[in-house]
Amino acid sequence: MYECYQEKICDGKETFPISWIILENTLYLAIWILAAFLLWPIWEIGRIPVLTVIWVLSVLIIQVLLKKHNCSGCYYFDKLCHLGWGKISSLLFKQDSGDPEIGKKLTLFYIVPPPAISILSLTCGILNHYSWSYWIILIFYVGLNADVFPVRKKGCGICAMKNVCPGSAVKK
């Protein structure tokens, strides 16, 4: 556990309501699912959507690794943080089994893919004259990505780990 939190000296919310956790995780799930749909028609081999398969596997692997490297040493380990991941981490890993430096690198997952997927989807949509439904999904995807940041920032802002968490959206 991070040193400053071993003695429970922290400024932040002790636990978060389940409704908050469900809302924030639903936003992320929606974004990941929409990204899978946007990537589907871009590269297929034998009717297999290669980029979608890579995306789904990446999301699953990175989410598990984030729970290990960011959440196993967190103050909220076995508690309900604003994402509920401390509880999930405690079910999968031993406390302090992760490496925060690796966790910090993994948080790029929340920064790099949204604009990359948006640009790739926009480019392929224009070049290949995709349907209106594709464009609606792309607009919805961009909109949700814009909406999720303030939600995450608000959760991180009242989190006890905001100053040391590798994935914090509000480090001071």
Protein backbone atom coordinates (compact mmCIF):
# COMPACT_ATOMS: atom_id res chain seq x y z
CA MET A 1 0.00 0.00 0.00
CA TYR A 2 1.18 3.52 -0.64
CA GLU A 3 3.07 4.70 2.46
CA CYS A 4 0.94 7.74 3.26
CA TYR A 5 -2.18 5.56 3.31
CA GLN A 6 -0.91 2.76 5.54
CA GLU A 7 -1.87 4.80 8.60
CA LYS A 8 -5.22 5.79 7.03
CA ILE A 9 -4.17 9.45 6.89
CA CYS A 10 -6.04 10.57 3.83
CA ASP A 11 -8.33 13.32 2.69
CA GLY A 12 -11.18 11.89 0.66
CA LYS A 13 -14.40 9.96 0.59
CA GLU A 14 -14.34 6.65 2.47
CA THR A 15 -16.72 4.87 0.10
CA PHE A 16 -18.82 5.69 -2.95
CA PRO A 17 -22.49 4.92 -3.68
CA ILE A 18 -23.21 1.98 -5.94
CA SER A 19 -25.20 4.26 -8.29
CA TRP A 20 -22.06 6.34 -8.95
CA ILE A 21 -20.01 3.19 -9.60
CA ILE A 22 -22.62 1.82 -12.01
CA LEU A 23 -22.86 5.14 -13.90
CA GLU A 24 -19.11 5.54 -14.35
CA ASN A 25 -18.54 1.92 -15.37
CA THR A 26 -21.52 2.03 -17.75
CA LEU A 27 -19.93 5.01 -19.50
CA TYR A 28 -16.67 3.11 -19.95
CA LEU A 29 -18.43 -0.05 -21.14
CA ALA A 30 -20.45 1.96 -23.65
CA ILE A 31 -17.29 3.62 -24.98
CA TRP A 32 -15.47 0.29 -25.33
CA ILE A 33 -18.44 -1.35 -27.06
CA LEU A 34 -18.91 1.57 -29.46
CA ALA A 35 -15.17 1.46 -30.26
CA ALA A 36 -15.53 -2.24 -31.11
CA PHE A 37 -18.37 -1.40 -33.55
CA LEU A 38 -16.38 1.44 -35.10
CA LEU A 39 -13.36 -0.80 -35.67
CA TRP A 40 -15.42 -3.70 -37.04
CA PRO A 41 -15.58 -2.76 -40.75
CA ILE A 42 -12.07 -1.32 -40.99
CA TRP A 43 -10.10 -4.56 -41.30
CA GLU A 44 -11.66 -7.96 -41.83
CA ILE A 45 -9.94 -11.20 -42.75
CA GLY A 46 -12.33 -13.95 -43.80
CA ARG A 47 -15.26 -12.05 -42.21
CA ILE A 48 -13.36 -11.82 -38.91
CA PRO A 49 -13.13 -8.20 -37.69
CA VAL A 50 -9.43 -8.20 -36.81
CA LEU A 51 -9.27 -4.75 -35.19
CA THR A 52 -12.36 -5.47 -33.11
CA VAL A 53 -10.88 -8.74 -31.85
CA ILE A 54 -7.60 -6.96 -31.00
CA TRP A 55 -9.56 -4.17 -29.28
CA VAL A 56 -11.66 -6.53 -27.14
CA LEU A 57 -8.60 -8.53 -26.08
CA SER A 58 -6.72 -5.30 -25.32
CA VAL A 59 -9.54 -3.94 -23.17
CA LEU A 60 -9.79 -7.17 -21.19
CA ILE A 61 -6.04 -7.56 -20.67
CA ILE A 62 -5.42 -3.92 -19.78
CA GLN A 63 -8.35 -3.81 -17.37
CA VAL A 64 -7.05 -6.86 -15.49
CA LEU A 65 -3.52 -5.43 -15.42
CA LEU A 66 -4.80 -2.06 -14.19
CA LYS A 67 -6.60 -3.76 -11.29
CA LYS A 68 -3.34 -5.47 -10.33
CA HIS A 69 -0.89 -2.60 -10.77
CA ASN A 70 -3.03 0.41 -9.79
CA CYS A 71 -5.60 -1.04 -7.43
CA SER A 72 -3.84 -3.70 -5.37
CA GLY A 73 -1.85 -1.05 -3.48
CA CYS A 74 -4.69 1.43 -3.23
CA TYR A 75 -6.35 2.76 -0.07
CA TYR A 76 -9.63 1.48 -1.56
CA PHE A 77 -8.37 -2.12 -1.90
CA ASP A 78 -11.39 -4.23 -0.89
CA LYS A 79 -13.53 -1.05 -0.71
CA LEU A 80 -15.85 0.76 -3.09
CA CYS A 81 -13.90 3.52 -4.83
CA HIS A 82 -15.66 5.67 -7.43
CA LEU A 83 -15.03 2.94 -10.01
CA GLY A 84 -15.54 -0.04 -7.69
CA TRP A 85 -12.22 -1.42 -8.83
CA GLY A 86 -10.73 -1.75 -5.33
CA LYS A 87 -13.31 -4.44 -4.60
CA ILE A 88 -12.66 -6.16 -7.93
CA SER A 89 -8.90 -6.01 -7.35
CA SER A 90 -9.25 -7.65 -3.93
CA LEU A 91 -11.11 -10.56 -5.53
CA LEU A 92 -8.38 -11.11 -8.15
CA PHE A 93 -5.10 -10.18 -6.47
CA LYS A 94 -3.25 -10.00 -3.17
CA GLN A 95 -2.79 -6.58 -1.65
CA ASP A 96 0.33 -4.75 -2.85
CA SER A 97 1.00 -7.28 -5.62
CA GLY A 98 1.26 -4.67 -8.36
CA ASP A 99 3.79 -2.13 -9.56
CA PRO A 100 2.50 1.49 -9.69
CA GLU A 101 5.05 2.40 -12.38
CA ILE A 102 3.56 -0.21 -14.70
CA GLY A 103 0.10 1.02 -13.69
CA LYS A 104 1.03 4.57 -14.67
CA LYS A 105 2.02 3.40 -18.16
CA LEU A 106 -1.18 1.38 -18.50
CA THR A 107 -3.32 4.46 -17.82
CA LEU A 108 -2.34 5.70 -21.27
CA PHE A 109 -5.12 3.34 -22.35
CA TYR A 110 -7.59 6.08 -21.34
CA ILE A 111 -5.72 8.79 -23.24
CA VAL A 112 -4.42 7.31 -26.52
CA PRO A 113 -7.21 5.11 -27.97
CA PRO A 114 -10.14 7.60 -27.99
CA PRO A 115 -8.57 10.11 -30.38
CA ALA A 116 -6.80 7.37 -32.37
CA ILE A 117 -10.05 5.42 -32.85
CA SER A 118 -11.93 8.63 -33.68
CA ILE A 119 -9.40 9.68 -36.34
CA LEU A 120 -9.14 6.17 -37.81
CA SER A 121 -12.93 5.79 -37.91
CA LEU A 122 -13.42 9.22 -39.43
CA THR A 123 -10.79 8.59 -42.10
CA CYS A 124 -12.12 5.13 -43.02
CA GLY A 125 -15.70 6.40 -42.95
CA ILE A 126 -14.88 9.13 -45.45
CA LEU A 127 -12.75 6.93 -47.71
CA ASN A 128 -15.15 3.98 -47.75
CA HIS A 129 -18.44 5.89 -47.66
CA TYR A 130 -19.78 4.15 -44.55
CA SER A 131 -23.49 4.24 -43.72
CA TRP A 132 -25.29 6.85 -41.64
CA SER A 133 -25.51 4.42 -38.74
CA TYR A 134 -21.71 4.28 -38.64
CA TRP A 135 -21.56 8.09 -38.46
CA ILE A 136 -24.14 8.16 -35.66
CA ILE A 137 -22.10 5.63 -33.68
CA LEU A 138 -18.96 7.72 -34.26
CA ILE A 139 -20.69 10.90 -33.05
CA PHE A 140 -22.04 9.06 -30.00
CA TYR A 141 -18.56 7.63 -29.31
CA VAL A 142 -16.92 11.08 -29.44
CA GLY A 143 -19.69 12.52 -27.26
CA LEU A 144 -19.35 9.83 -24.60
CA ASN A 145 -15.58 10.29 -24.52
CA ALA A 146 -16.14 14.00 -23.91
CA ASP A 147 -18.65 13.20 -21.14
CA VAL A 148 -16.59 10.60 -19.30
CA PHE A 149 -13.67 12.89 -18.45
CA PRO A 150 -15.62 15.31 -16.21
CA VAL A 151 -17.28 12.34 -14.49
CA ARG A 152 -13.92 10.67 -13.84
CA LYS A 153 -12.35 13.97 -12.79
CA LYS A 154 -15.13 14.53 -10.25
CA GLY A 155 -14.65 11.03 -8.82
CA CYS A 156 -10.89 11.43 -8.68
CA GLY A 157 -11.32 14.87 -7.08
CA ILE A 158 -12.94 13.39 -3.95
CA CYS A 159 -10.90 10.18 -3.92
CA ALA A 160 -8.49 9.62 -1.03
CA MET A 161 -5.82 8.54 -3.51
CA LYS A 162 -6.03 11.56 -5.81
CA ASN A 163 -2.48 12.74 -5.08
CA VAL A 164 -0.66 9.43 -5.54
CA CYS A 165 -2.79 7.23 -7.80
CA PRO A 166 -1.09 6.53 -11.13
CA GLY A 167 -4.49 6.79 -12.84
CA SER A 168 -5.75 9.93 -11.11
CA ALA A 169 -7.31 12.58 -13.31
CA VAL A 170 -6.61 15.34 -10.76
CA LYS A 171 -3.11 14.92 -9.33
CA LYS A 172 -1.88 18.01 -7.55
